[in-house]
PDB file of all heavy atoms in Angstrom:
ATOM      1  N   GLU A   1      86.000  73.009 183.110  1.00  0.00           N
ATOM      2  CA  GLU A   1      84.717  72.307 183.031  1.00  0.00           C
ATOM      3  C   GLU A   1      84.354  71.917 181.605  1.00  0.00           C
ATOM      4  O   GLU A   1      83.604  70.969 181.397  1.00  0.00           O
ATOM      5  CB  GLU A   1      83.600  73.181 183.605  1.00  0.00           C
ATOM      6  CG  GLU A   1      83.734  73.435 185.083  1.00  0.00           C
ATOM      7  CD  GLU A   1      82.698  74.407 185.592  1.00  0.00           C
ATOM      8  OE1 GLU A   1      82.467  75.443 184.945  1.00  0.00           O
ATOM      9  OE2 GLU A   1      82.114  74.119 186.654  1.00  0.00           O
ATOM     10  N   ASN A   2      84.898  72.645 180.617  1.00  0.00           N
ATOM     11  CA  ASN A   2      84.556  72.348 179.212  1.00  0.00           C
ATOM     12  C   ASN A   2      85.334  71.173 178.651  1.00  0.00           C
ATOM     13  O   ASN A   2      84.757  70.264 178.066  1.00  0.00           O
ATOM     14  CB  ASN A   2      84.798  73.572 178.329  1.00  0.00           C
ATOM     15  CG  ASN A   2      83.774  74.657 178.575  1.00  0.00           C
ATOM     16  OD1 ASN A   2      82.773  74.463 179.236  1.00  0.00           O
ATOM     17  ND2 ASN A   2      84.049  75.830 178.034  1.00  0.00           N
ATOM     18  N   CYS A   3      86.670  71.196 178.786  1.00  0.00           N
ATOM     19  CA  CYS A   3      87.488  70.171 178.115  1.00  0.00           C
ATOM     20  C   CYS A   3      88.164  69.198 179.079  1.00  0.00           C
ATOM     21  O   CYS A   3      88.777  68.225 178.638  1.00  0.00           O
ATOM     22  CB  CYS A   3      88.540  70.834 177.231  1.00  0.00           C
ATOM     23  SG  CYS A   3      89.809  71.742 178.128  1.00  0.00           S
ATOM     24  N   GLY A   4      88.064  69.443 180.380  1.00  0.00           N
ATOM     25  CA  GLY A   4      88.602  68.506 181.351  1.00  0.00           C
ATOM     26  C   GLY A   4      90.086  68.645 181.656  1.00  0.00           C
ATOM     27  O   GLY A   4      90.630  67.864 182.431  1.00  0.00           O
ATOM     28  N   LYS A   5      90.770  69.615 181.031  1.00  0.00           N
ATOM     29  CA  LYS A   5      92.193  69.826 181.339  1.00  0.00           C
ATOM     30  C   LYS A   5      92.330  70.145 182.822  1.00  0.00           C
ATOM     31  O   LYS A   5      91.469  70.792 183.421  1.00  0.00           O
ATOM     32  CB  LYS A   5      92.770  70.968 180.506  1.00  0.00           C
ATOM     33  CG  LYS A   5      92.897  70.657 179.047  1.00  0.00           C
ATOM     34  CD  LYS A   5      93.992  69.652 178.821  1.00  0.00           C
ATOM     35  CE  LYS A   5      94.142  69.367 177.340  1.00  0.00           C
ATOM     36  NZ  LYS A   5      95.113  68.344 177.074  1.00  0.00           N
ATOM     37  N   LEU A   6      93.430  69.703 183.417  1.00  0.00           N
ATOM     38  CA  LEU A   6      93.637  69.861 184.844  1.00  0.00           C
ATOM     39  C   LEU A   6      95.072  70.292 185.107  1.00  0.00           C
ATOM     40  O   LEU A   6      95.993  69.828 184.438  1.00  0.00           O
ATOM     41  CB  LEU A   6      93.371  68.534 185.546  1.00  0.00           C
ATOM     42  CG  LEU A   6      93.673  68.482 187.039  1.00  0.00           C
ATOM     43  CD1 LEU A   6      92.512  67.866 187.778  1.00  0.00           C
ATOM     44  CD2 LEU A   6      94.940  67.701 187.304  1.00  0.00           C
ATOM     45  N   VAL A   7      95.245  71.179 186.073  1.00  0.00           N
ATOM     46  CA  VAL A   7      96.576  71.529 186.552  1.00  0.00           C
ATOM     47  C   VAL A   7      96.512  71.564 188.076  1.00  0.00           C
ATOM     48  O   VAL A   7      95.504  71.946 188.664  1.00  0.00           O
ATOM     49  CB  VAL A   7      97.079  72.875 185.990  1.00  0.00           C
ATOM     50  CG1 VAL A   7      96.216  74.038 186.431  1.00  0.00           C
ATOM     51  CG2 VAL A   7      98.522  73.118 186.384  1.00  0.00           C
ATOM     52  N   GLU A   8      97.580  71.104 188.678  1.00  0.00           N
ATOM     53  CA  GLU A   8      97.677  71.097 190.136  1.00  0.00           C
ATOM     54  C   GLU A   8      98.869  71.961 190.530  1.00  0.00           C
ATOM     55  O   GLU A   8      99.991  71.705 190.102  1.00  0.00           O
ATOM     56  CB  GLU A   8      97.858  69.663 190.623  1.00  0.00           C
ATOM     57  CG  GLU A   8      97.811  69.525 192.116  1.00  0.00           C
ATOM     58  CD  GLU A   8      97.806  68.068 192.525  1.00  0.00           C
ATOM     59  OE1 GLU A   8      96.724  67.452 192.476  1.00  0.00           O
ATOM     60  OE2 GLU A   8      98.871  67.547 192.868  1.00  0.00           O
ATOM     61  N   LEU A   9      98.610  73.005 191.294  1.00  0.00           N
ATOM     62  CA  LEU A   9      99.667  73.885 191.780  1.00  0.00           C
ATOM     63  C   LEU A   9     100.080  73.396 193.161  1.00  0.00           C
ATOM     64  O   LEU A   9      99.308  73.479 194.114  1.00  0.00           O
ATOM     65  CB  LEU A   9      99.181  75.331 191.849  1.00  0.00           C
ATOM     66  CG  LEU A   9      98.674  75.925 190.537  1.00  0.00           C
ATOM     67  CD1 LEU A   9      98.141  77.331 190.766  1.00  0.00           C
ATOM     68  CD2 LEU A   9      99.754  75.919 189.481  1.00  0.00           C
ATOM     69  N   THR A  10     101.280  72.829 193.235  1.00  0.00           N
ATOM     70  CA  THR A  10     101.800  72.306 194.496  1.00  0.00           C
ATOM     71  C   THR A  10     103.143  72.957 194.786  1.00  0.00           C
ATOM     72  O   THR A  10     103.902  73.263 193.865  1.00  0.00           O
ATOM     73  CB  THR A  10     101.977  70.781 194.440  1.00  0.00           C
ATOM     74  OG1 THR A  10     102.825  70.449 193.339  1.00  0.00           O
ATOM     75  CG2 THR A  10     100.650  70.073 194.273  1.00  0.00           C
ATOM     76  N   PRO A  11     103.469  73.160 196.050  1.00  0.00           N
ATOM     77  CA  PRO A  11     104.767  73.756 196.398  1.00  0.00           C
ATOM     78  C   PRO A  11     105.920  72.874 195.929  1.00  0.00           C
ATOM     79  O   PRO A  11     105.878  71.658 196.061  1.00  0.00           O
ATOM     80  CB  PRO A  11     104.728  73.834 197.923  1.00  0.00           C
ATOM     81  CG  PRO A  11     103.295  73.793 198.276  1.00  0.00           C
ATOM     82  CD  PRO A  11     102.637  72.951 197.234  1.00  0.00           C
ATOM     83  N   GLU A  12     106.950  73.523 195.356  1.00  0.00           N
ATOM     84  CA  GLU A  12     108.119  72.798 194.870  1.00  0.00           C
ATOM     85  C   GLU A  12     109.381  73.176 195.626  1.00  0.00           C
ATOM     86  O   GLU A  12     110.435  72.599 195.376  1.00  0.00           O
ATOM     87  CB  GLU A  12     108.322  73.082 193.382  1.00  0.00           C
ATOM     88  CG  GLU A  12     107.174  72.602 192.520  1.00  0.00           C
ATOM     89  CD  GLU A  12     107.391  72.921 191.056  1.00  0.00           C
ATOM     90  OE1 GLU A  12     108.532  73.194 190.655  1.00  0.00           O
ATOM     91  OE2 GLU A  12     106.406  72.887 190.317  1.00  0.00           O
ATOM     92  N   THR A  13     109.307  74.139 196.512  1.00  0.00           N
ATOM     93  CA  THR A  13     110.493  74.607 197.224  1.00  0.00           C
ATOM     94  C   THR A  13     110.183  74.760 198.701  1.00  0.00           C
ATOM     95  O   THR A  13     109.025  74.717 199.119  1.00  0.00           O
ATOM     96  CB  THR A  13     110.956  75.983 196.704  1.00  0.00           C
ATOM     97  OG1 THR A  13     109.947  76.949 197.003  1.00  0.00           O
ATOM     98  CG2 THR A  13     111.227  75.958 195.220  1.00  0.00           C
ATOM     99  N   GLN A  14     111.228  74.954 199.468  1.00  0.00           N
ATOM    100  CA  GLN A  14     111.023  75.272 200.877  1.00  0.00           C
ATOM    101  C   GLN A  14     110.296  76.604 200.950  1.00  0.00           C
ATOM    102  O   GLN A  14     110.474  77.464 200.105  1.00  0.00           O
ATOM    103  CB  GLN A  14     112.351  75.370 201.601  1.00  0.00           C
ATOM    104  CG  GLN A  14     113.061  74.053 201.728  1.00  0.00           C
ATOM    105  CD  GLN A  14     114.372  74.193 202.479  1.00  0.00           C
ATOM    106  OE1 GLN A  14     114.877  75.269 202.684  1.00  0.00           O
ATOM    107  NE2 GLN A  14     114.914  73.057 202.872  1.00  0.00           N
ATOM    108  N   GLY A  15     109.484  76.782 201.950  1.00  0.00           N
ATOM    109  CA  GLY A  15     108.715  78.006 202.081  1.00  0.00           C
ATOM    110  C   GLY A  15     107.357  77.913 201.421  1.00  0.00           C
ATOM    111  O   GLY A  15     106.625  78.878 201.325  1.00  0.00           O
ATOM    112  N   LYS A  16     107.021  76.724 200.908  1.00  0.00           N
ATOM    113  CA  LYS A  16     105.706  76.458 200.327  1.00  0.00           C
ATOM    114  C   LYS A  16     105.407  77.296 199.088  1.00  0.00           C
ATOM    115  O   LYS A  16     104.294  77.751 198.880  1.00  0.00           O
ATOM    116  CB  LYS A  16     104.598  76.673 201.375  1.00  0.00           C
ATOM    117  CG  LYS A  16     104.794  75.927 202.664  1.00  0.00           C
ATOM    118  CD  LYS A  16     104.534  74.466 202.488  1.00  0.00           C
ATOM    119  CE  LYS A  16     104.619  73.775 203.843  1.00  0.00           C
ATOM    120  NZ  LYS A  16     104.373  72.372 203.760  1.00  0.00           N
ATOM    121  N   LEU A  17     106.423  77.546 198.226  1.00  0.00           N
ATOM    122  CA  LEU A  17     106.245  78.339 197.019  1.00  0.00           C
ATOM    123  C   LEU A  17     105.858  77.460 195.837  1.00  0.00           C
ATOM    124  O   LEU A  17     106.519  76.467 195.545  1.00  0.00           O
ATOM    125  CB  LEU A  17     107.527  79.100 196.679  1.00  0.00           C
ATOM    126  CG  LEU A  17     108.034  80.069 197.743  1.00  0.00           C
ATOM    127  CD1 LEU A  17     109.369  80.663 197.316  1.00  0.00           C
ATOM    128  CD2 LEU A  17     107.026  81.151 198.020  1.00  0.00           C
ATOM    129  N   ALA A  18     104.776  77.816 195.151  1.00  0.00           N
ATOM    130  CA  ALA A  18     104.343  77.108 193.944  1.00  0.00           C
ATOM    131  C   ALA A  18     104.528  78.043 192.752  1.00  0.00           C
ATOM    132  O   ALA A  18     104.147  79.204 192.813  1.00  0.00           O
ATOM    133  CB  ALA A  18     102.882  76.691 194.061  1.00  0.00           C
ATOM    134  N   TYR A  19     105.128  77.528 191.693  1.00  0.00           N
ATOM    135  CA  TYR A  19     105.377  78.333 190.499  1.00  0.00           C
ATOM    136  C   TYR A  19     104.126  78.361 189.631  1.00  0.00           C
ATOM    137  O   TYR A  19     103.776  77.379 188.982  1.00  0.00           O
ATOM    138  CB  TYR A  19     106.566  77.773 189.726  1.00  0.00           C
ATOM    139  CG  TYR A  19     107.831  77.814 190.530  1.00  0.00           C
ATOM    140  CD1 TYR A  19     108.362  76.658 191.077  1.00  0.00           C
ATOM    141  CD2 TYR A  19     108.476  79.022 190.770  1.00  0.00           C
ATOM    142  CE1 TYR A  19     109.524  76.697 191.831  1.00  0.00           C
ATOM    143  CE2 TYR A  19     109.627  79.079 191.532  1.00  0.00           C
ATOM    144  CZ  TYR A  19     110.148  77.910 192.052  1.00  0.00           C
ATOM    145  OH  TYR A  19     111.283  77.954 192.802  1.00  0.00           O
ATOM    146  N   VAL A  20     103.433  79.492 189.604  1.00  0.00           N
ATOM    147  CA  VAL A  20     102.142  79.593 188.929  1.00  0.00           C
ATOM    148  C   VAL A  20     102.300  79.596 187.416  1.00  0.00           C
ATOM    149  O   VAL A  20     101.741  78.743 186.729  1.00  0.00           O
ATOM    150  CB  VAL A  20     101.371  80.850 189.401  1.00  0.00           C
ATOM    151  CG1 VAL A  20     100.088  81.034 188.619  1.00  0.00           C
ATOM    152  CG2 VAL A  20     101.076  80.746 190.887  1.00  0.00           C
ATOM    153  N   HIS A  21     103.050  80.553 186.861  1.00  0.00           N
ATOM    154  CA  HIS A  21     103.124  80.684 185.399  1.00  0.00           C
ATOM    155  C   HIS A  21     103.640  79.409 184.736  1.00  0.00           C
ATOM    156  O   HIS A  21     103.040  78.910 183.790  1.00  0.00           O
ATOM    157  CB  HIS A  21     104.006  81.880 185.008  1.00  0.00           C
ATOM    158  CG  HIS A  21     104.179  82.005 183.527  1.00  0.00           C
ATOM    159  ND1 HIS A  21     103.189  82.494 182.714  1.00  0.00           N
ATOM    160  CD2 HIS A  21     105.209  81.661 182.711  1.00  0.00           C
ATOM    161  CE1 HIS A  21     103.602  82.460 181.457  1.00  0.00           C
ATOM    162  NE2 HIS A  21     104.822  81.966 181.426  1.00  0.00           N
ATOM    163  N   ARG A  22     104.744  78.893 185.226  1.00  0.00           N
ATOM    164  CA  ARG A  22     105.357  77.694 184.634  1.00  0.00           C
ATOM    165  C   ARG A  22     104.388  76.509 184.669  1.00  0.00           C
ATOM    166  O   ARG A  22     104.206  75.813 183.674  1.00  0.00           O
ATOM    167  CB  ARG A  22     106.630  77.347 185.397  1.00  0.00           C
ATOM    168  CG  ARG A  22     107.352  76.145 184.858  1.00  0.00           C
ATOM    169  CD  ARG A  22     108.567  75.761 185.681  1.00  0.00           C
ATOM    170  NE  ARG A  22     109.223  76.905 186.303  1.00  0.00           N
ATOM    171  CZ  ARG A  22     110.032  76.818 187.336  1.00  0.00           C
ATOM    172  NH1 ARG A  22     110.302  75.644 187.865  1.00  0.00           N
ATOM    173  NH2 ARG A  22     110.585  77.875 187.853  1.00  0.00           N
ATOM    174  N   ASN A  23     103.763  76.269 185.809  1.00  0.00           N
ATOM    175  CA  ASN A  23     102.854  75.130 185.933  1.00  0.00           C
ATOM    176  C   ASN A  23     101.589  75.305 185.107  1.00  0.00           C
ATOM    177  O   ASN A  23     101.103  74.353 184.494  1.00  0.00           O
ATOM    178  CB  ASN A  23     102.507  74.879 187.398  1.00  0.00           C
ATOM    179  CG  ASN A  23     103.660  74.275 188.156  1.00  0.00           C
ATOM    180  OD1 ASN A  23     104.446  73.519 187.610  1.00  0.00           O
ATOM    181  ND2 ASN A  23     103.777  74.618 189.418  1.00  0.00           N
ATOM    182  N   LEU A  24     101.041  76.520 185.085  1.00  0.00           N
ATOM    183  CA  LEU A  24      99.849  76.748 184.274  1.00  0.00           C
ATOM    184  C   LEU A  24     100.159  76.549 182.801  1.00  0.00           C
ATOM    185  O   LEU A  24      99.457  75.828 182.095  1.00  0.00           O
ATOM    186  CB  LEU A  24      99.297  78.160 184.507  1.00  0.00           C
ATOM    187  CG  LEU A  24      98.645  78.431 185.862  1.00  0.00           C
ATOM    188  CD1 LEU A  24      98.211  79.882 185.947  1.00  0.00           C
ATOM    189  CD2 LEU A  24      97.468  77.515 186.106  1.00  0.00           C
ATOM    190  N   TRP A  25     101.221  77.202 182.314  1.00  0.00           N
ATOM    191  CA  TRP A  25     101.552  77.156 180.880  1.00  0.00           C
ATOM    192  C   TRP A  25     101.843  75.732 180.422  1.00  0.00           C
ATOM    193  O   TRP A  25     101.393  75.313 179.349  1.00  0.00           O
ATOM    194  CB  TRP A  25     102.743  78.068 180.588  1.00  0.00           C
ATOM    195  CG  TRP A  25     102.992  78.205 179.120  1.00  0.00           C
ATOM    196  CD1 TRP A  25     103.944  77.553 178.389  1.00  0.00           C
ATOM    197  CD2 TRP A  25     102.252  79.000 178.198  1.00  0.00           C
ATOM    198  NE1 TRP A  25     103.855  77.912 177.064  1.00  0.00           N
ATOM    199  CE2 TRP A  25     102.821  78.801 176.919  1.00  0.00           C
ATOM    200  CE3 TRP A  25     101.169  79.858 178.327  1.00  0.00           C
ATOM    201  CZ2 TRP A  25     102.337  79.436 175.781  1.00  0.00           C
ATOM    202  CZ3 TRP A  25     100.699  80.491 177.192  1.00  0.00           C
ATOM    203  CH2 TRP A  25     101.280  80.272 175.936  1.00  0.00           C
ATOM    204  N   ASN A  26     102.562  74.976 181.213  1.00  0.00           N
ATOM    205  CA  ASN A  26     102.904  73.604 180.835  1.00  0.00           C
ATOM    206  C   ASN A  26     101.695  72.677 180.838  1.00  0.00           C
ATOM    207  O   ASN A  26     101.773  71.555 180.342  1.00  0.00           O
ATOM    208  CB  ASN A  26     103.980  73.040 181.764  1.00  0.00           C
ATOM    209  CG  ASN A  26     105.325  73.688 181.530  1.00  0.00           C
ATOM    210  OD1 ASN A  26     105.573  74.284 180.492  1.00  0.00           O
ATOM    211  ND2 ASN A  26     106.199  73.585 182.512  1.00  0.00           N
ATOM    212  N   ASN A  27     100.585  73.123 181.390  1.00  0.00           N
ATOM    213  CA  ASN A  27      99.376  72.295 181.468  1.00  0.00           C
ATOM    214  C   ASN A  27      98.185  72.944 180.764  1.00  0.00           C
ATOM    215  O   ASN A  27      97.034  72.731 181.130  1.00  0.00           O
ATOM    216  CB  ASN A  27      99.038  72.011 182.926  1.00  0.00           C
ATOM    217  CG  ASN A  27     100.049  71.090 183.554  1.00  0.00           C
ATOM    218  OD1 ASN A  27     100.020  69.889 183.338  1.00  0.00           O
ATOM    219  ND2 ASN A  27     100.983  71.648 184.309  1.00  0.00           N
ATOM    220  N   ASN A  28      98.473  73.750 179.722  1.00  0.00           N
ATOM    221  CA  ASN A  28      97.444  74.354 178.863  1.00  0.00           C
ATOM    222  C   ASN A  28      96.578  75.410 179.537  1.00  0.00           C
ATOM    223  O   ASN A  28      95.428  75.604 179.153  1.00  0.00           O
ATOM    224  CB  ASN A  28      96.553  73.281 178.224  1.00  0.00           C
ATOM    225  CG  ASN A  28      97.304  72.486 177.179  1.00  0.00           C
ATOM    226  OD1 ASN A  28      98.015  73.051 176.358  1.00  0.00           O
ATOM    227  ND2 ASN A  28      97.172  71.176 177.226  1.00  0.00           N
ATOM    228  N   PHE A  29      97.128  76.114 180.511  1.00  0.00           N
ATOM    229  CA  PHE A  29      96.445  77.244 181.119  1.00  0.00           C
ATOM    230  C   PHE A  29      97.396  78.443 181.114  1.00  0.00           C
ATOM    231  O   PHE A  29      98.605  78.277 180.956  1.00  0.00           O
ATOM    232  CB  PHE A  29      96.065  76.936 182.574  1.00  0.00           C
ATOM    233  CG  PHE A  29      95.007  75.886 182.721  1.00  0.00           C
ATOM    234  CD1 PHE A  29      95.361  74.554 182.876  1.00  0.00           C
ATOM    235  CD2 PHE A  29      93.668  76.224 182.732  1.00  0.00           C
ATOM    236  CE1 PHE A  29      94.403  73.571 183.033  1.00  0.00           C
ATOM    237  CE2 PHE A  29      92.696  75.246 182.881  1.00  0.00           C
ATOM    238  CZ  PHE A  29      93.058  73.916 183.041  1.00  0.00           C
ATOM    239  N   TYR A  30      96.866  79.635 181.312  1.00  0.00           N
ATOM    240  CA  TYR A  30      97.710  80.816 181.462  1.00  0.00           C
ATOM    241  C   TYR A  30      96.945  81.928 182.171  1.00  0.00           C
ATOM    242  O   TYR A  30      95.714  81.950 182.159  1.00  0.00           O
ATOM    243  CB  TYR A  30      98.246  81.309 180.112  1.00  0.00           C
ATOM    244  CG  TYR A  30      97.185  81.801 179.146  1.00  0.00           C
ATOM    245  CD1 TYR A  30      96.914  83.160 179.026  1.00  0.00           C
ATOM    246  CD2 TYR A  30      96.474  80.910 178.350  1.00  0.00           C
ATOM    247  CE1 TYR A  30      95.955  83.615 178.140  1.00  0.00           C
ATOM    248  CE2 TYR A  30      95.517  81.355 177.464  1.00  0.00           C
ATOM    249  CZ  TYR A  30      95.263  82.710 177.352  1.00  0.00           C
ATOM    250  OH  TYR A  30      94.301  83.159 176.485  1.00  0.00           O
ATOM    251  N   VAL A  31      97.684  82.815 182.813  1.00  0.00           N
ATOM    252  CA  VAL A  31      97.094  83.999 183.438  1.00  0.00           C
ATOM    253  C   VAL A  31      97.008  85.053 182.350  1.00  0.00           C
ATOM    254  O   VAL A  31      98.029  85.494 181.816  1.00  0.00           O
ATOM    255  CB  VAL A  31      97.941  84.507 184.626  1.00  0.00           C
ATOM    256  CG1 VAL A  31      97.377  85.817 185.153  1.00  0.00           C
ATOM    257  CG2 VAL A  31      98.000  83.463 185.717  1.00  0.00           C
ATOM    258  N   SER A  32      95.787  85.459 181.984  1.00  0.00           N
ATOM    259  CA  SER A  32      95.621  86.402 180.882  1.00  0.00           C
ATOM    260  C   SER A  32      95.427  87.833 181.355  1.00  0.00           C
ATOM    261  O   SER A  32      95.612  88.766 180.586  1.00  0.00           O
ATOM    262  CB  SER A  32      94.433  86.004 179.999  1.00  0.00           C
ATOM    263  OG  SER A  32      93.225  86.140 180.713  1.00  0.00           O
ATOM    264  N   ASP A  33      95.055  88.018 182.621  1.00  0.00           N
ATOM    265  CA  ASP A  33      94.796  89.374 183.088  1.00  0.00           C
ATOM    266  C   ASP A  33      94.909  89.437 184.607  1.00  0.00           C
ATOM    267  O   ASP A  33      94.540  88.486 185.299  1.00  0.00           O
ATOM    268  CB  ASP A  33      93.393  89.819 182.667  1.00  0.00           C
ATOM    269  CG  ASP A  33      93.154  91.305 182.871  1.00  0.00           C
ATOM    270  OD1 ASP A  33      94.131  92.079 182.832  1.00  0.00           O
ATOM    271  OD2 ASP A  33      91.995  91.688 183.055  1.00  0.00           O
ATOM    272  N   THR A  34      95.433  90.535 185.086  1.00  0.00           N
ATOM    273  CA  THR A  34      95.462  90.813 186.515  1.00  0.00           C
ATOM    274  C   THR A  34      95.008  92.246 186.724  1.00  0.00           C
ATOM    275  O   THR A  34      95.252  93.111 185.879  1.00  0.00           O
ATOM    276  CB  THR A  34      96.872  90.653 187.126  1.00  0.00           C
ATOM    277  OG1 THR A  34      97.764  91.512 186.438  1.00  0.00           O
ATOM    278  CG2 THR A  34      97.365  89.235 187.049  1.00  0.00           C
ATOM    279  N   VAL A  35      94.337  92.484 187.823  1.00  0.00           N
ATOM    280  CA  VAL A  35      93.942  93.839 188.206  1.00  0.00           C
ATOM    281  C   VAL A  35      94.588  94.124 189.547  1.00  0.00           C
ATOM    282  O   VAL A  35      94.269  93.479 190.549  1.00  0.00           O
ATOM    283  CB  VAL A  35      92.405  93.990 188.294  1.00  0.00           C
ATOM    284  CG1 VAL A  35      92.034  95.381 188.782  1.00  0.00           C
ATOM    285  CG2 VAL A  35      91.757  93.689 186.956  1.00  0.00           C
ATOM    286  N   ILE A  36      95.546  95.056 189.538  1.00  0.00           N
ATOM    287  CA  ILE A  36      96.259  95.431 190.747  1.00  0.00           C
ATOM    288  C   ILE A  36      95.995  96.903 191.022  1.00  0.00           C
ATOM    289  O   ILE A  36      96.215  97.749 190.157  1.00  0.00           O
ATOM    290  CB  ILE A  36      97.775  95.180 190.604  1.00  0.00           C
ATOM    291  CG1 ILE A  36      98.029  93.694 190.335  1.00  0.00           C
ATOM    292  CG2 ILE A  36      98.516  95.653 191.853  1.00  0.00           C
ATOM    293  CD1 ILE A  36      99.461  93.370 189.999  1.00  0.00           C
ATOM    294  N   GLU A  37      95.508  97.193 192.203  1.00  0.00           N
ATOM    295  CA  GLU A  37      95.240  98.571 192.613  1.00  0.00           C
ATOM    296  C   GLU A  37      96.450  99.101 193.375  1.00  0.00           C
ATOM    297  O   GLU A  37      96.941  98.459 194.300  1.00  0.00           O
ATOM    298  CB  GLU A  37      94.007  98.597 193.518  1.00  0.00           C
ATOM    299  CG  GLU A  37      93.630  99.951 194.033  1.00  0.00           C
ATOM    300  CD  GLU A  37      92.438  99.871 194.972  1.00  0.00           C
ATOM    301  OE1 GLU A  37      91.573  98.996 194.785  1.00  0.00           O
ATOM    302  OE2 GLU A  37      92.390 100.672 195.915  1.00  0.00           O
ATOM    303  N   CYS A  38      96.959 100.252 192.951  1.00  0.00           N
ATOM    304  CA  CYS A  38      98.103 100.878 193.612  1.00  0.00           C
ATOM    305  C   CYS A  38      97.707 102.257 194.108  1.00  0.00           C
ATOM    306  O   CYS A  38      97.011 102.990 193.421  1.00  0.00           O
ATOM    307  CB  CYS A  38      99.274 101.033 192.641  1.00  0.00           C
ATOM    308  SG  CYS A  38      99.936  99.497 192.048  1.00  0.00           S
ATOM    309  N   SER A  39      98.156 102.586 195.289  1.00  0.00           N
ATOM    310  CA  SER A  39      97.901 103.920 195.813  1.00  0.00           C
ATOM    311  C   SER A  39      99.070 104.345 196.691  1.00  0.00           C
ATOM    312  O   SER A  39      99.682 103.538 197.375  1.00  0.00           O
ATOM    313  CB  SER A  39      96.595 103.961 196.609  1.00  0.00           C
ATOM    314  OG  SER A  39      96.680 103.106 197.724  1.00  0.00           O
ATOM    315  N   SER A  40      99.360 105.632 196.641  1.00  0.00           N
ATOM    316  CA  SER A  40     100.434 106.193 197.452  1.00  0.00           C
ATOM    317  C   SER A  40      99.838 106.703 198.754  1.00  0.00           C
ATOM    318  O   SER A  40      98.791 107.337 198.767  1.00  0.00           O
ATOM    319  CB  SER A  40     101.116 107.334 196.709  1.00  0.00           C
ATOM    320  OG  SER A  40     102.034 107.970 197.552  1.00  0.00           O
ATOM    321  N   THR A  41     100.513 106.420 199.856  1.00  0.00           N
ATOM    322  CA  THR A  41     100.009 106.863 201.156  1.00  0.00           C
ATOM    323  C   THR A  41     100.558 108.226 201.545  1.00  0.00           C
ATOM    324  O   THR A  41     100.188 108.764 202.572  1.00  0.00           O
ATOM    325  CB  THR A  41     100.373 105.850 202.257  1.00  0.00           C
ATOM    326  OG1 THR A  41     101.780 105.681 202.275  1.00  0.00           O
ATOM    327  CG2 THR A  41      99.691 104.524 202.005  1.00  0.00           C
TER     328      THR A  41
END
């Protein structure tokens, strides 16, 4: 919303898989943090 940069994540392979890191990075975006909860059953 600030600078207008845009990235479109579209599937590139069979199985509808879109490459997140590669597409984000090449278009001036990146994943900076993830929160994953793990628990043993």
